[in-house]
Amino acid sequence: MTDIAAVVFDMFGTLTPASPKAAWDEQRRACAEWIGVPGDAWVAALDDAWHEQVCGLFGGMPQTFRAVAERAGYSPTDEQVTAAVEARLAAYVETQELRPDALETLRSLRAGGVKLALVSDCTHELPLVWERTPLAGHFDATVFSCLERTRKPDPHLFRAAAQRLGVEPARCLYVGDGGGDELAGSAAVGMLPVLLAGPDWADGHAPGRPETWTGLRAETLAEIPVVLAAHTAGVGAALGAGPGVGVSRT
């Protein structure tokens, strides 16, 4: 058995609660009026251009917003684009929510000497506000799809996380809600994947989830130190794996 030295986390639906598509759409509508596009048309245009956005193919946020608006048949001014970007970032920061056990789990892992990385399929909002989030100080490395110009399950993303941590992929635990076929993608480079599927899992909007999963499964982030302890001799006590916390394999 190879000792696990690092944990790589997904962002949305993993460190944050799972969100239904309606909640995402409402958040995105916050900037529609600023760019001069009706709310429903703006959300539909963003949906149609999701791949290009998450892979950063349009460029930064201003270029992305302009390209999406033009695809929908609108020609915003520079001032409208700037206002829309500012409104979007403000709404993004205000509405982001972490799971209640997220920060304590990260602290526990780091206290045990475990390295941490984030791999997220995301648009440019996340890297732009990352240092303003309570997560930033807990991670040793980040991999954002929009900056890497590719998305899960591309092996490049998972290998990049391990490389930036200075850890072999085989010594990494990967934790995610399964979107983007991330569990198979992480396993393909040698990581040990864990599906995070709590009570809110079924409500989340995460295309690409596996229909069935027979590997490791956890219902809370607080269970992750227990999973790690099972694969790293003697680390359990250091990580504070308390009684009543368990993990299942389905």
Protein backbone atom coordinates (compact mmCIF):
# COMPACT_ATOMS: atom_id res chain seq x y z
CA MET A 1 0.00 0.00 0.00
CA THR A 2 1.32 3.43 -1.00
CA ASP A 3 1.08 6.06 1.73
CA ILE A 4 -1.06 9.03 0.78
CA ALA A 5 0.83 12.32 1.16
CA ALA A 6 -1.62 14.76 -0.45
CA VAL A 7 -5.32 15.36 -0.94
CA VAL A 8 -6.63 17.01 -4.10
CA PHE A 9 -10.09 18.54 -3.88
CA ASP A 10 -12.71 19.53 -6.40
CA MET A 11 -14.39 22.89 -5.67
CA PHE A 12 -18.08 23.08 -6.54
CA GLY A 13 -20.35 20.51 -4.90
CA THR A 14 -17.37 19.32 -2.86
CA LEU A 15 -15.95 22.17 -0.80
CA THR A 16 -19.19 24.05 -1.47
CA PRO A 17 -22.69 22.64 -1.07
CA ALA A 18 -24.24 21.13 -4.17
CA SER A 19 -26.35 23.74 -5.98
CA PRO A 20 -29.27 23.17 -8.34
CA LYS A 21 -29.01 24.80 -11.76
CA ALA A 22 -31.69 27.33 -10.82
CA ALA A 23 -29.41 28.74 -8.13
CA TRP A 24 -26.52 29.09 -10.57
CA ASP A 25 -28.80 30.76 -13.11
CA GLU A 26 -30.06 33.29 -10.58
CA GLN A 27 -26.50 34.20 -9.69
CA ARG A 28 -25.56 34.67 -13.33
CA ARG A 29 -28.60 36.84 -14.03
CA ALA A 30 -27.18 39.43 -11.63
CA CYS A 31 -25.00 40.91 -14.37
CA ALA A 32 -27.40 40.57 -17.32
CA GLU A 33 -28.91 44.05 -17.04
CA TRP A 34 -25.44 45.62 -16.90
CA ILE A 35 -24.40 44.09 -20.19
CA GLY A 36 -27.73 44.90 -21.84
CA VAL A 37 -28.96 41.36 -22.45
CA PRO A 38 -32.29 40.02 -21.10
CA GLY A 39 -31.73 37.67 -18.16
CA ASP A 40 -33.00 34.46 -19.75
CA ALA A 41 -31.14 35.15 -22.99
CA TRP A 42 -27.94 35.81 -21.06
CA VAL A 43 -28.19 32.58 -19.07
CA ALA A 44 -28.93 30.61 -22.25
CA ALA A 45 -25.95 32.18 -24.01
CA LEU A 46 -23.67 31.36 -21.07
CA ASP A 47 -24.92 27.77 -21.11
CA ASP A 48 -24.25 27.47 -24.84
CA ALA A 49 -20.70 28.75 -24.37
CA TRP A 50 -19.91 26.76 -21.23
CA HIS A 51 -17.12 24.68 -22.76
CA GLU A 52 -15.32 27.72 -24.14
CA GLN A 53 -15.66 29.55 -20.82
CA VAL A 54 -14.46 26.73 -18.59
CA CYS A 55 -11.49 26.18 -20.92
CA GLY A 56 -10.71 29.89 -21.09
CA LEU A 57 -10.93 29.92 -24.88
CA PHE A 58 -12.33 33.44 -25.17
CA GLY A 59 -9.64 35.03 -22.99
CA GLY A 60 -10.30 36.83 -19.71
CA MET A 61 -13.65 37.84 -18.27
CA PRO A 62 -14.16 41.00 -20.37
CA GLN A 63 -13.35 39.14 -23.58
CA THR A 64 -15.57 36.24 -22.50
CA PHE A 65 -18.55 38.44 -21.67
CA ARG A 66 -18.25 40.31 -24.96
CA ALA A 67 -18.00 37.09 -26.98
CA VAL A 68 -21.00 35.52 -25.23
CA ALA A 69 -23.11 38.67 -25.69
CA GLU A 70 -22.22 38.88 -29.37
CA ARG A 71 -23.15 35.24 -29.87
CA ALA A 72 -26.57 36.11 -28.46
CA GLY A 73 -26.90 38.96 -30.95
CA TYR A 74 -25.96 41.91 -28.73
CA SER A 75 -23.12 44.43 -28.99
CA PRO A 76 -22.30 45.80 -25.52
CA THR A 77 -20.12 48.85 -25.05
CA ASP A 78 -16.84 48.69 -23.16
CA GLU A 79 -18.56 50.40 -20.24
CA GLN A 80 -21.33 47.79 -20.19
CA VAL A 81 -18.83 44.94 -20.26
CA THR A 82 -16.84 46.46 -17.41
CA ALA A 83 -19.98 46.99 -15.32
CA ALA A 84 -21.17 43.45 -16.01
CA VAL A 85 -17.83 41.95 -14.97
CA GLU A 86 -17.82 43.96 -11.74
CA ALA A 87 -21.42 42.93 -10.97
CA ARG A 88 -20.65 39.30 -11.69
CA LEU A 89 -17.59 39.23 -9.42
CA ALA A 90 -19.50 40.93 -6.61
CA ALA A 91 -22.37 38.44 -6.87
CA TYR A 92 -19.89 35.57 -7.07
CA VAL A 93 -18.17 36.56 -3.83
CA GLU A 94 -21.41 37.29 -1.98
CA THR A 95 -23.12 34.01 -2.86
CA GLN A 96 -20.27 31.53 -2.41
CA GLU A 97 -20.83 29.22 0.54
CA LEU A 98 -18.60 26.52 2.00
CA ARG A 99 -19.68 23.26 3.54
CA PRO A 100 -19.76 23.65 7.34
CA ASP A 101 -16.94 21.14 7.83
CA ALA A 102 -14.75 22.38 4.96
CA LEU A 103 -12.30 24.64 6.79
CA GLU A 104 -11.93 22.36 9.80
CA THR A 105 -11.20 19.41 7.52
CA LEU A 106 -8.55 21.39 5.65
CA ARG A 107 -6.96 22.51 8.94
CA SER A 108 -6.92 18.94 10.21
CA LEU A 109 -5.25 17.65 7.08
CA ARG A 110 -2.61 20.37 7.04
CA ALA A 111 -1.92 19.88 10.76
CA GLY A 112 -1.13 16.27 9.92
CA GLY A 113 1.45 17.33 7.34
CA VAL A 114 -0.74 16.57 4.34
CA LYS A 115 -0.32 18.71 1.23
CA LEU A 116 -3.48 20.11 -0.37
CA ALA A 117 -4.36 21.05 -3.93
CA LEU A 118 -7.48 22.23 -5.72
CA VAL A 119 -8.50 21.16 -9.22
CA SER A 120 -11.56 22.99 -10.48
CA ASP A 121 -13.48 23.16 -13.72
CA CYS A 122 -14.25 26.86 -13.49
CA THR A 123 -14.67 30.10 -15.34
CA HIS A 124 -12.39 33.07 -14.70
CA GLU A 125 -14.36 34.26 -11.69
CA LEU A 126 -12.80 31.70 -9.34
CA PRO A 127 -9.12 32.47 -9.96
CA LEU A 128 -9.88 36.20 -9.90
CA VAL A 129 -11.45 36.07 -6.43
CA TRP A 130 -9.49 33.10 -5.06
CA GLU A 131 -7.25 35.11 -2.74
CA ARG A 132 -10.35 36.75 -1.25
CA THR A 133 -11.86 33.42 -0.24
CA PRO A 134 -11.29 31.71 3.14
CA LEU A 135 -9.94 28.69 1.25
CA ALA A 136 -6.87 30.32 -0.27
CA GLY A 137 -4.58 30.07 2.74
CA HIS A 138 -5.19 26.35 3.16
CA PHE A 139 -3.98 25.16 -0.25
CA ASP A 140 -0.46 24.53 -1.47
CA ALA A 141 -1.42 24.46 -5.15
CA THR A 142 -4.33 25.31 -7.42
CA VAL A 143 -5.27 24.16 -10.91
CA PHE A 144 -8.02 26.16 -12.61
CA SER A 145 -9.34 24.79 -15.89
CA CYS A 146 -9.85 28.23 -17.45
CA LEU A 147 -6.15 29.01 -16.98
CA GLU A 148 -5.00 25.57 -18.14
CA ARG A 149 -7.25 25.79 -21.24
CA THR A 150 -8.67 22.32 -20.73
CA ARG A 151 -11.25 20.62 -18.52
CA LYS A 152 -11.82 17.41 -16.59
CA PRO A 153 -11.20 14.56 -17.13
CA ASP A 154 -8.06 15.69 -19.00
CA PRO A 155 -5.13 13.97 -17.23
CA HIS A 156 -3.12 17.20 -17.50
CA LEU A 157 -5.16 18.82 -14.72
CA PHE A 158 -4.57 16.02 -12.22
CA ARG A 159 -0.91 15.61 -13.13
CA ALA A 160 -0.42 19.37 -12.80
CA ALA A 161 -1.81 19.28 -9.25
CA ALA A 162 0.53 16.48 -8.22
CA GLN A 163 3.51 18.16 -9.90
CA ARG A 164 2.84 21.49 -8.17
CA LEU A 165 2.64 19.68 -4.85
CA GLY A 166 5.83 17.76 -5.54
CA VAL A 167 4.02 14.47 -4.93
CA GLU A 168 3.57 11.44 -7.18
CA PRO A 169 -0.06 11.03 -8.35
CA ALA A 170 -0.14 7.59 -6.72
CA ARG A 171 0.32 9.28 -3.35
CA CYS A 172 -2.69 11.58 -3.85
CA LEU A 173 -6.27 11.16 -2.70
CA TYR A 174 -8.77 12.88 -4.99
CA VAL A 175 -12.09 14.06 -3.53
CA GLY A 176 -14.97 15.23 -5.70
CA ASP A 177 -18.70 15.01 -6.36
CA GLY A 178 -18.03 13.26 -9.66
CA GLY A 179 -18.84 16.04 -12.14
CA GLY A 180 -16.87 16.13 -15.36
CA ASP A 181 -15.97 12.44 -14.99
CA GLU A 182 -13.33 13.62 -12.52
CA LEU A 183 -13.19 10.41 -10.51
CA ALA A 184 -12.20 8.30 -13.50
CA GLY A 185 -9.88 11.08 -14.66
CA SER A 186 -8.02 11.19 -11.37
CA ALA A 187 -7.84 7.39 -11.20
CA ALA A 188 -6.38 7.27 -14.71
CA VAL A 189 -3.25 9.11 -13.52
CA GLY A 190 -2.93 6.92 -10.42
CA MET A 191 -4.77 8.93 -7.76
CA LEU A 192 -7.17 7.27 -5.32
CA PRO A 193 -10.63 8.79 -5.97
CA VAL A 194 -13.32 9.32 -3.35
CA LEU A 195 -16.87 10.32 -4.25
CA LEU A 196 -18.25 13.00 -1.92
CA ALA A 197 -22.00 12.38 -1.96
CA GLY A 198 -23.89 13.88 0.94
CA PRO A 199 -27.62 14.43 1.37
CA ASP A 200 -27.52 17.32 -1.13
CA TRP A 201 -25.72 15.33 -3.83
CA ALA A 202 -28.82 14.51 -5.87
CA ASP A 203 -29.79 18.19 -6.03
CA GLY A 204 -26.49 19.37 -7.46
CA HIS A 205 -25.88 20.48 -11.03
CA ALA A 206 -22.76 18.59 -12.13
CA PRO A 207 -22.85 17.12 -15.66
CA GLY A 208 -20.60 14.15 -16.25
CA ARG A 209 -21.17 12.34 -12.98
CA PRO A 210 -20.89 8.54 -13.14
CA GLU A 211 -24.24 6.77 -13.12
CA THR A 212 -22.82 4.22 -10.72
CA TRP A 213 -19.79 4.32 -8.45
CA THR A 214 -18.27 1.28 -6.77
CA GLY A 215 -15.25 2.99 -5.26
CA LEU A 216 -14.78 4.89 -2.02
CA ARG A 217 -17.61 7.17 -0.98
CA ALA A 218 -17.92 9.75 1.81
CA GLU A 219 -20.95 11.72 2.93
CA THR A 220 -19.06 14.56 4.62
CA LEU A 221 -15.69 16.23 4.28
CA ALA A 222 -15.00 15.33 7.91
CA GLU A 223 -14.68 11.70 6.77
CA ILE A 224 -11.75 12.44 4.46
CA PRO A 225 -9.07 12.26 7.20
CA VAL A 226 -10.41 8.79 8.01
CA VAL A 227 -10.01 7.68 4.41
CA LEU A 228 -6.50 9.07 4.33
CA ALA A 229 -5.63 7.42 7.63
CA ALA A 230 -6.67 4.06 6.21
CA HIS A 231 -4.03 4.48 3.50
CA THR A 232 -1.26 6.08 5.53
CA ALA A 233 0.13 4.15 8.48
CA GLY A 234 0.10 6.03 11.77
CA VAL A 235 -1.43 9.23 10.45
CA GLY A 236 -4.91 8.75 11.93
CA ALA A 237 -4.22 10.24 15.33
CA ALA A 238 -2.40 13.22 13.87
CA LEU A 239 -5.38 13.98 11.64
CA GLY A 240 -7.84 13.82 14.48
CA ALA A 241 -10.07 11.09 13.10
CA GLY A 242 -12.65 10.93 15.85
CA PRO A 243 -15.21 8.28 16.72
CA GLY A 244 -18.37 8.05 14.72
CA VAL A 245 -16.76 9.19 11.47
CA GLY A 246 -16.74 6.56 8.79
CA VAL A 247 -16.49 5.92 5.07
CA SER A 248 -18.23 3.42 2.87
CA ARG A 249 -17.44 1.58 -0.30
CA THR A 250 -20.45 0.98 -2.53
